[in-house]
């Protein structure tokens, strides 16, 4: 769960690490994860009201996110995965003065984001795993058409697993977003620091940014707590002539996770967005976003 976005549509870094672990194990006794082929995630994020620019305009965001992932091992060396997702981003504007980014007469206040991704995973030996994940996304506001809102990309990663079970890897995401192409390098990690402490990636890698880092504390079998941060990006079409809005910001968060059963979990987040900017592609205008608090709930079920 991303506190405003998941880095969409390919298999998540966390899921990739889980699949890697399930392929690397040689006996059930050393399995670190309980593998399940399907995972359904539902999350809701709500932010506080923030000033945008210097015209007195304010923005409050509410986001619903749904994602379904599937994975399957073909043999000891090959596995495949797929994911589909839908997000609804409700942008509640209070327009004090019309600007190039937002007007009271025609506000863009609802964004739809559809995502689909595939993954191919290859394990040549007991230590190495290589992952390639193509992805496609449509992200557009209520003032634009979906036909002009397509983005696509490829995430590639090499992952090394030590005898201890710890995993670390490097990767890069090539993203051909709406009217912009970029490459995002990232670090993939799942590292047990001690019996209770571990370091891992909280987010997926893709259109919404890198994977971030999260320090976790396992209190007992049912409860864990963590603190983390990452740079996040949202880019979507607001007019059909390839006019986009991009939001870039940092998010820091505290998380409490409750393992309801072997297959279901619930996480509560308290977050803080800071260093945010909103950019309009044409004309090229950037306005600062005031720092704001956020809260989120995420429910996962594996089956």
Protein backbone atom coordinates (compact mmCIF):
# COMPACT_ATOMS: atom_id res chain seq x y z
CA UNK A 1 0.00 0.00 0.00
CA UNK A 2 1.46 3.22 -0.99
CA UNK A 3 -0.15 6.05 0.87
CA UNK A 4 -1.57 7.42 -2.34
CA UNK A 5 -0.33 4.97 -4.82
CA UNK A 6 1.14 1.55 -5.29
CA UNK A 7 3.57 2.05 -8.26
CA UNK A 8 1.35 0.43 -10.47
CA UNK A 9 0.55 -2.52 -12.39
CA UNK A 10 3.53 -4.79 -12.44
CA UNK A 11 4.17 -7.43 -9.83
CA UNK A 12 5.25 -5.72 -6.61
CA UNK A 13 8.79 -5.95 -5.30
CA UNK A 14 7.45 -7.59 -2.16
CA UNK A 15 5.55 -10.19 -4.20
CA UNK A 16 8.60 -10.79 -6.38
CA UNK A 17 10.68 -11.44 -3.26
CA UNK A 18 8.00 -13.79 -1.95
CA UNK A 19 7.98 -15.74 -5.22
CA UNK A 20 11.76 -15.82 -5.16
CA UNK A 21 11.73 -17.30 -1.68
CA UNK A 22 9.15 -19.91 -2.64
CA UNK A 23 11.29 -20.98 -5.60
CA UNK A 24 14.59 -20.97 -3.71
CA UNK A 25 13.50 -23.19 -0.81
CA UNK A 26 14.52 -26.84 -0.87
CA UNK A 27 12.54 -28.13 2.13
CA UNK A 28 9.37 -26.87 3.83
CA UNK A 29 11.24 -26.41 7.09
CA UNK A 30 13.18 -23.41 5.81
CA UNK A 31 10.32 -21.65 4.03
CA UNK A 32 10.18 -18.00 5.04
CA UNK A 33 6.77 -17.32 3.45
CA UNK A 34 3.58 -19.29 3.03
CA UNK A 35 3.05 -19.15 -0.71
CA UNK A 36 -0.41 -18.46 -2.19
CA UNK A 37 -1.09 -18.07 -5.92
CA UNK A 38 -3.62 -15.21 -5.62
CA UNK A 39 -3.68 -11.98 -3.64
CA UNK A 40 -6.47 -9.39 -3.47
CA UNK A 41 -5.69 -5.96 -2.00
CA UNK A 42 -8.15 -3.17 -1.16
CA UNK A 43 -6.96 0.13 0.32
CA UNK A 44 -8.25 3.61 1.09
CA UNK A 45 -6.11 6.73 1.54
CA UNK A 46 -7.26 10.13 2.78
CA UNK A 47 -5.14 13.27 3.06
CA UNK A 48 -5.57 16.53 4.88
CA UNK A 49 -6.36 19.77 3.07
CA UNK A 50 -3.33 21.41 1.47
CA UNK A 51 -2.76 24.76 -0.24
CA UNK A 52 -1.68 24.51 -3.89
CA UNK A 53 0.22 27.54 -5.20
CA UNK A 54 -0.26 31.08 -3.91
CA UNK A 55 -3.83 31.76 -5.07
CA UNK A 56 -5.61 30.29 -2.05
CA UNK A 57 -6.63 27.11 -3.90
CA UNK A 58 -6.85 24.01 -1.71
CA UNK A 59 -6.85 20.28 -2.40
CA UNK A 60 -8.01 17.29 -0.36
CA UNK A 61 -7.47 13.77 -1.73
CA UNK A 62 -9.38 10.52 -1.17
CA UNK A 63 -8.19 7.42 -3.00
CA UNK A 64 -9.64 3.91 -3.34
CA UNK A 65 -7.31 1.21 -4.70
CA UNK A 66 -8.05 -2.38 -5.71
CA UNK A 67 -5.49 -4.85 -7.01
CA UNK A 68 -5.51 -8.56 -7.88
CA UNK A 69 -2.25 -10.48 -8.33
CA UNK A 70 -1.65 -14.05 -9.46
CA UNK A 71 1.54 -16.10 -9.67
CA UNK A 72 2.38 -19.63 -10.75
CA UNK A 73 5.54 -21.73 -10.81
CA UNK A 74 6.08 -23.57 -14.09
CA UNK A 75 9.09 -25.54 -12.88
CA UNK A 76 12.13 -25.08 -10.63
CA UNK A 77 13.54 -22.38 -12.90
CA UNK A 78 10.57 -20.52 -14.36
CA UNK A 79 7.52 -18.80 -12.90
CA UNK A 80 5.01 -16.28 -14.23
CA UNK A 81 2.72 -13.67 -12.69
CA UNK A 82 0.00 -11.22 -13.63
CA UNK A 83 -1.79 -8.30 -11.99
CA UNK A 84 -4.79 -6.08 -12.68
CA UNK A 85 -5.76 -2.99 -10.75
CA UNK A 86 -8.18 -0.09 -10.58
CA UNK A 87 -7.79 3.17 -8.62
CA UNK A 88 -10.28 5.97 -8.15
CA UNK A 89 -8.69 9.26 -7.07
CA UNK A 90 -11.14 11.85 -5.74
CA UNK A 91 -9.52 15.28 -5.79
CA UNK A 92 -11.66 17.67 -3.77
CA UNK A 93 -10.78 21.19 -4.89
CA UNK A 94 -11.70 24.45 -3.21
CA UNK A 95 -10.97 26.97 -5.97
CA UNK A 96 -10.44 30.46 -4.57
CA UNK A 97 -9.01 31.89 -7.80
CA UNK A 98 -8.81 30.38 -11.31
CA UNK A 99 -5.33 29.41 -12.42
CA UNK A 100 -3.75 27.59 -15.36
CA UNK A 101 -3.81 24.36 -13.35
CA UNK A 102 -7.39 24.48 -12.03
CA UNK A 103 -10.55 26.49 -12.73
CA UNK A 104 -13.82 26.58 -10.84
CA UNK A 105 -15.91 26.24 -14.05
CA UNK A 106 -14.24 23.03 -15.32
CA UNK A 107 -12.44 21.35 -12.41
CA UNK A 108 -10.69 18.03 -12.86
CA UNK A 109 -11.70 16.35 -9.63
CA UNK A 110 -11.94 12.62 -10.40
CA UNK A 111 -9.15 10.45 -11.84
CA UNK A 112 -9.50 6.85 -13.01
CA UNK A 113 -6.45 4.64 -13.24
CA UNK A 114 -6.54 1.15 -14.80
CA UNK A 115 -3.50 -1.12 -14.72
CA UNK A 116 -2.39 -4.48 -16.05
CA UNK A 117 0.97 -6.16 -15.72
CA UNK A 118 2.76 -9.43 -16.40
CA UNK A 119 5.97 -10.90 -15.03
CA UNK A 120 8.41 -13.61 -16.10
CA UNK A 121 10.83 -14.90 -13.47
CA UNK A 122 13.93 -17.03 -14.14
CA UNK A 123 16.05 -18.76 -11.49
CA UNK A 124 19.28 -20.22 -12.96
CA UNK A 125 20.53 -21.51 -9.59
CA UNK A 126 19.69 -21.45 -5.89
CA UNK A 127 21.02 -17.92 -5.38
CA UNK A 128 20.07 -15.83 -8.43
CA UNK A 129 16.71 -14.77 -9.81
CA UNK A 130 15.93 -12.47 -12.74
CA UNK A 131 12.56 -10.79 -13.27
CA UNK A 132 11.09 -8.95 -16.27
CA UNK A 133 7.68 -7.29 -15.90
CA UNK A 134 5.96 -5.42 -18.74
CA UNK A 135 3.10 -3.16 -17.70
CA UNK A 136 0.44 -0.87 -19.12
CA UNK A 137 -1.63 1.87 -17.49
CA UNK A 138 -4.44 4.28 -18.34
CA UNK A 139 -4.68 7.35 -16.05
CA UNK A 140 -7.06 10.19 -16.90
CA UNK A 141 -9.27 12.80 -15.24
CA UNK A 142 -12.98 13.33 -15.77
CA UNK A 143 -12.09 16.15 -18.20
CA UNK A 144 -10.18 13.83 -20.59
CA UNK A 145 -10.65 10.65 -22.60
CA UNK A 146 -9.06 7.30 -21.84
CA UNK A 147 -8.01 6.86 -25.49
CA UNK A 148 -5.14 9.35 -25.05
CA UNK A 149 -4.10 8.26 -21.56
CA UNK A 150 -2.08 5.11 -22.21
CA UNK A 151 1.34 4.50 -20.65
CA UNK A 152 3.54 1.43 -20.81
CA UNK A 153 6.81 0.28 -19.37
CA UNK A 154 9.13 -2.55 -18.36
CA UNK A 155 10.59 -3.35 -14.96
CA UNK A 156 13.69 -5.57 -14.87
CA UNK A 157 15.53 -6.81 -11.77
CA UNK A 158 18.30 -9.16 -10.71
CA UNK A 159 17.95 -10.61 -7.20
CA UNK A 160 20.53 -12.49 -5.11
CA UNK A 161 19.50 -14.68 -2.17
CA UNK A 162 22.06 -15.57 0.49
CA UNK A 163 22.20 -18.84 2.42
CA UNK A 164 20.69 -17.00 5.37
CA UNK A 165 17.53 -16.31 3.36
CA UNK A 166 18.22 -12.57 3.00
CA UNK A 167 17.70 -11.16 -0.50
CA UNK A 168 19.02 -8.06 -2.25
CA UNK A 169 18.90 -6.93 -5.85
CA UNK A 170 19.16 -4.07 -8.31
CA UNK A 171 16.74 -3.12 -11.03
CA UNK A 172 15.48 -0.42 -13.34
CA UNK A 173 12.09 0.57 -14.68
CA UNK A 174 11.72 2.02 -18.17
CA UNK A 175 8.48 4.02 -18.21
CA UNK A 176 6.95 5.50 -21.35
CA UNK A 177 4.44 7.69 -19.54
CA UNK A 178 2.01 10.18 -21.10
CA UNK A 179 4.24 12.57 -23.08
CA UNK A 180 7.31 11.57 -21.03
CA UNK A 181 9.81 8.72 -20.92
CA UNK A 182 12.13 8.00 -18.01
CA UNK A 183 14.26 5.34 -16.34
CA UNK A 184 13.90 4.73 -12.58
CA UNK A 185 16.65 2.67 -10.88
CA UNK A 186 15.79 0.95 -7.62
CA UNK A 187 17.07 -1.29 -4.87
CA UNK A 188 15.12 -4.45 -3.98
CA UNK A 189 15.75 -5.77 -0.48
CA UNK A 190 14.31 -8.20 2.05
CA UNK A 191 16.83 -8.35 4.88
CA UNK A 192 16.41 -9.85 8.34
CA UNK A 193 18.55 -7.67 10.62
CA UNK A 194 17.78 -9.64 13.79
CA UNK A 195 15.11 -11.91 15.18
CA UNK A 196 12.57 -9.05 15.23
CA UNK A 197 13.97 -6.33 12.94
CA UNK A 198 14.00 -6.37 9.14
CA UNK A 199 14.44 -4.01 6.19
CA UNK A 200 12.31 -4.26 3.05
CA UNK A 201 10.58 -2.34 0.24
CA UNK A 202 7.08 -1.04 1.08
CA UNK A 203 5.98 -0.03 -2.44
CA UNK A 204 5.86 -1.35 -5.96
CA UNK A 205 8.18 -0.02 -8.64
CA UNK A 206 6.69 1.73 -11.64
CA UNK A 207 4.85 4.86 -12.69
CA UNK A 208 4.51 6.04 -9.09
CA UNK A 209 8.20 5.97 -8.28
CA UNK A 210 10.86 3.75 -6.66
CA UNK A 211 10.23 1.07 -4.06
CA UNK A 212 11.29 3.05 -0.97
CA UNK A 213 12.60 1.57 2.27
CA UNK A 214 10.76 0.33 5.35
CA UNK A 215 12.21 -0.70 8.72
CA UNK A 216 9.97 -3.31 10.39
CA UNK A 217 9.66 -4.64 13.92
CA UNK A 218 7.90 -7.99 14.48
CA UNK A 219 6.28 -7.80 17.91
CA UNK A 220 4.77 -11.28 17.79
CA UNK A 221 3.11 -13.67 15.35
CA UNK A 222 0.12 -11.36 14.84
CA UNK A 223 1.48 -7.81 15.06
CA UNK A 224 4.27 -5.88 13.36
CA UNK A 225 5.15 -2.17 13.18
CA UNK A 226 7.25 -0.18 10.75
CA UNK A 227 8.51 3.21 9.64
CA UNK A 228 9.37 4.07 6.04
CA UNK A 229 9.65 6.66 3.30
CA UNK A 230 9.77 7.05 -0.49
CA UNK A 231 9.45 9.55 -3.32
CA UNK A 232 6.02 9.27 -5.02
CA UNK A 233 4.78 10.44 -8.43
CA UNK A 234 1.30 10.76 -9.94
CA UNK A 235 0.86 11.65 -13.63
CA UNK A 236 -2.47 11.72 -15.44
CA UNK A 237 -4.19 13.27 -18.45
CA UNK A 238 -6.51 16.24 -17.82
CA UNK A 239 -7.14 17.30 -21.46
CA UNK A 240 -7.17 15.25 -24.64
CA UNK A 241 -4.36 17.21 -26.35
CA UNK A 242 -1.76 15.40 -24.21
CA UNK A 243 -2.01 17.96 -21.41
CA UNK A 244 -1.06 16.33 -18.15
CA UNK A 245 -0.67 17.09 -14.47
CA UNK A 246 2.16 15.50 -12.52
CA UNK A 247 2.40 15.47 -8.73
CA UNK A 248 5.76 14.69 -7.12
CA UNK A 249 6.19 14.48 -3.36
CA UNK A 250 7.89 12.63 -0.53
CA UNK A 251 5.93 10.54 1.93
CA UNK A 252 6.99 9.28 5.35
CA UNK A 253 4.78 6.87 7.26
CA UNK A 254 4.23 4.77 10.35
CA UNK A 255 2.45 1.45 9.92
CA UNK A 256 0.79 -1.07 12.25
CA UNK A 257 0.07 -4.48 10.74
CA UNK A 258 -2.32 -7.11 12.10
CA UNK A 259 -2.20 -10.67 10.77
CA UNK A 260 -5.84 -11.70 11.10
CA UNK A 261 -5.18 -15.23 9.86
CA UNK A 262 -2.68 -17.09 7.68
CA UNK A 263 -4.32 -15.62 4.59
CA UNK A 264 -5.62 -12.18 5.65
CA UNK A 265 -3.97 -9.05 7.04
CA UNK A 266 -4.94 -5.48 7.88
CA UNK A 267 -2.57 -2.50 7.99
CA UNK A 268 -3.17 1.02 9.31
CA UNK A 269 -0.96 3.91 8.17
CA UNK A 270 -0.27 7.39 9.48
CA UNK A 271 1.62 9.39 6.88
CA UNK A 272 3.02 12.81 6.11
CA UNK A 273 3.47 14.24 2.61
CA UNK A 274 6.19 16.85 2.18
CA UNK A 275 8.23 18.57 -0.53
CA UNK A 276 5.34 18.28 -2.99
CA UNK A 277 4.99 19.96 -6.39
CA UNK A 278 2.22 19.98 -8.99
CA UNK A 279 3.29 20.49 -12.61
CA UNK A 280 1.11 21.31 -15.62
CA UNK A 281 2.68 20.16 -18.90
CA UNK A 282 1.32 22.96 -21.15
CA UNK A 283 1.88 25.72 -20.37
CA UNK A 284 4.78 24.52 -18.25
CA UNK A 285 3.79 25.68 -14.77
CA UNK A 286 4.79 24.28 -11.37
CA UNK A 287 3.13 25.09 -8.06
CA UNK A 288 4.13 23.98 -4.58
CA UNK A 289 1.86 21.73 -2.53
CA UNK A 290 1.64 22.41 1.19
CA UNK A 291 2.81 19.61 3.49
CA UNK A 292 -0.07 17.52 4.78
CA UNK A 293 -0.94 14.54 6.97
CA UNK A 294 -2.58 11.39 5.63
CA UNK A 295 -4.15 8.17 6.90
CA UNK A 296 -4.79 4.83 5.22
CA UNK A 297 -6.18 1.35 5.72
CA UNK A 298 -5.15 -1.64 3.60
CA UNK A 299 -6.69 -5.13 3.57
CA UNK A 300 -4.97 -8.11 1.91
CA UNK A 301 -6.28 -11.63 1.41
CA UNK A 302 -4.34 -14.51 -0.15
CA UNK A 303 -6.01 -17.55 -1.61
